[in-house]
Protein backbone atom coordinates (compact mmCIF):
# COMPACT_ATOMS: atom_id res chain seq x y z
CA MET A 1 203.97 142.44 155.22
CA GLY A 2 204.07 139.53 157.69
CA ASN A 3 206.39 137.62 155.97
CA ILE A 4 209.01 140.68 155.46
CA LEU A 5 208.57 141.24 159.18
CA GLY A 6 209.55 137.67 159.69
CA TRP A 7 212.81 137.78 157.70
CA LEU A 8 213.70 140.95 159.35
CA ILE A 9 213.62 139.13 162.67
CA ALA A 10 215.41 136.36 161.36
CA ASP A 11 218.38 138.70 159.94
CA ILE A 12 218.69 140.13 163.62
CA TYR A 13 219.11 136.77 164.99
CA LEU A 14 221.71 136.08 162.13
CA TRP A 15 223.62 138.97 163.12
CA THR A 16 223.85 137.67 166.80
CA LEU A 17 225.38 134.89 165.25
CA SER A 18 228.06 136.32 162.86
CA TRP A 19 228.45 139.74 160.77
CA CYS A 20 228.66 137.54 157.89
CA CYS A 21 225.29 135.70 158.40
CA GLY A 22 223.62 139.09 159.31
CA LEU A 23 225.24 140.69 155.96
CA GLY A 24 224.24 137.53 153.91
CA GLY A 25 220.53 138.06 155.36
CA ILE A 26 220.51 141.46 154.20
CA ILE A 27 221.56 140.51 150.53
CA GLY A 28 219.03 137.72 150.75
CA LEU A 29 216.36 140.28 151.36
CA ALA A 30 217.29 142.45 148.46
CA GLY A 31 217.17 138.60 146.62
CA PHE A 32 213.53 138.60 147.95
CA PHE A 33 212.22 141.71 146.37
CA TRP A 34 214.01 140.79 143.17
CA GLY A 35 212.38 137.14 143.29
CA TYR A 36 209.00 138.95 144.09
CA SER A 37 209.61 141.01 141.11
CA VAL A 38 210.48 138.65 138.73
CA SER A 39 208.07 135.83 139.88
CA LYS A 40 205.31 137.01 137.38
CA GLY A 41 207.34 135.76 134.29
CA MET A 42 209.02 132.66 136.30
CA THR A 43 205.96 130.91 138.06
CA VAL A 44 202.83 132.36 137.00
CA ALA A 45 201.30 131.19 133.82
CA PRO A 46 198.92 133.58 132.23
CA ARG A 47 196.27 131.45 132.40
CA ASP A 48 196.59 131.24 136.41
CA TYR A 49 195.31 134.79 136.33
CA TRP A 50 192.00 133.88 135.26
CA ARG A 51 191.63 130.14 136.64
CA LEU A 52 193.08 130.76 139.97
CA PRO A 53 191.87 133.31 142.83
CA ASP A 54 194.12 136.24 143.28
CA TYR A 55 195.32 134.96 146.74
CA GLU A 56 196.67 131.55 144.97
CA VAL A 57 198.73 133.66 142.62
CA PHE A 58 200.07 135.78 145.18
CA LYS A 59 201.02 132.52 147.35
CA LYS A 60 202.80 131.16 144.24
CA LYS A 61 204.73 134.34 143.90
CA LEU A 62 205.38 134.73 147.65
CA VAL A 63 206.71 130.77 147.82
CA TYR A 64 208.95 131.97 144.68
CA ALA A 65 210.43 135.06 146.36
CA ASN A 66 210.77 132.88 149.71
CA SER A 67 213.08 130.38 148.04
CA ILE A 68 215.17 132.87 146.29
CA MET A 69 215.71 134.58 149.66
CA GLY A 70 216.83 131.48 151.27
CA SER A 71 219.42 130.52 148.66
CA VAL A 72 220.73 133.90 148.36
CA THR A 73 220.89 134.28 152.14
CA ALA A 74 222.71 130.94 152.22
CA THR A 75 225.07 131.39 149.51
CA ALA A 76 226.05 134.67 150.71
CA SER A 77 226.54 133.79 154.17
CA ILE A 78 228.83 131.14 152.96
CA VAL A 79 230.77 133.26 150.47
CA LEU A 80 231.26 135.95 153.35
CA CYS A 81 232.21 133.39 155.85
CA VAL A 82 234.92 131.99 153.51
CA ILE A 83 236.38 135.52 152.85
CA LYS A 84 236.47 136.16 156.48
CA THR A 85 238.45 132.76 156.88
CA ILE A 86 240.94 133.60 154.22
CA ILE A 87 241.69 137.18 155.27
CA GLU A 88 241.98 136.32 159.06
CA SER A 89 244.37 133.59 158.40
């Protein structure tokens, strides 16, 4: 919960910079939820469920979801800023 709250605070800050960055943050938040839902099959091996504590498995999934969110936010912000620049010129 704290992780999502932190990303929402960062998104509010991005809205103060530009609407492109703010909208990229919202798209990135959707990427976070998608990344967390697919992280079970992408980063966690079946043996990790019986070998590692639950917190370690959760941490692996959270790191994967955060990396997806960061990359989606950056990509979406750049694409939206390029589109904005093209439209304005």
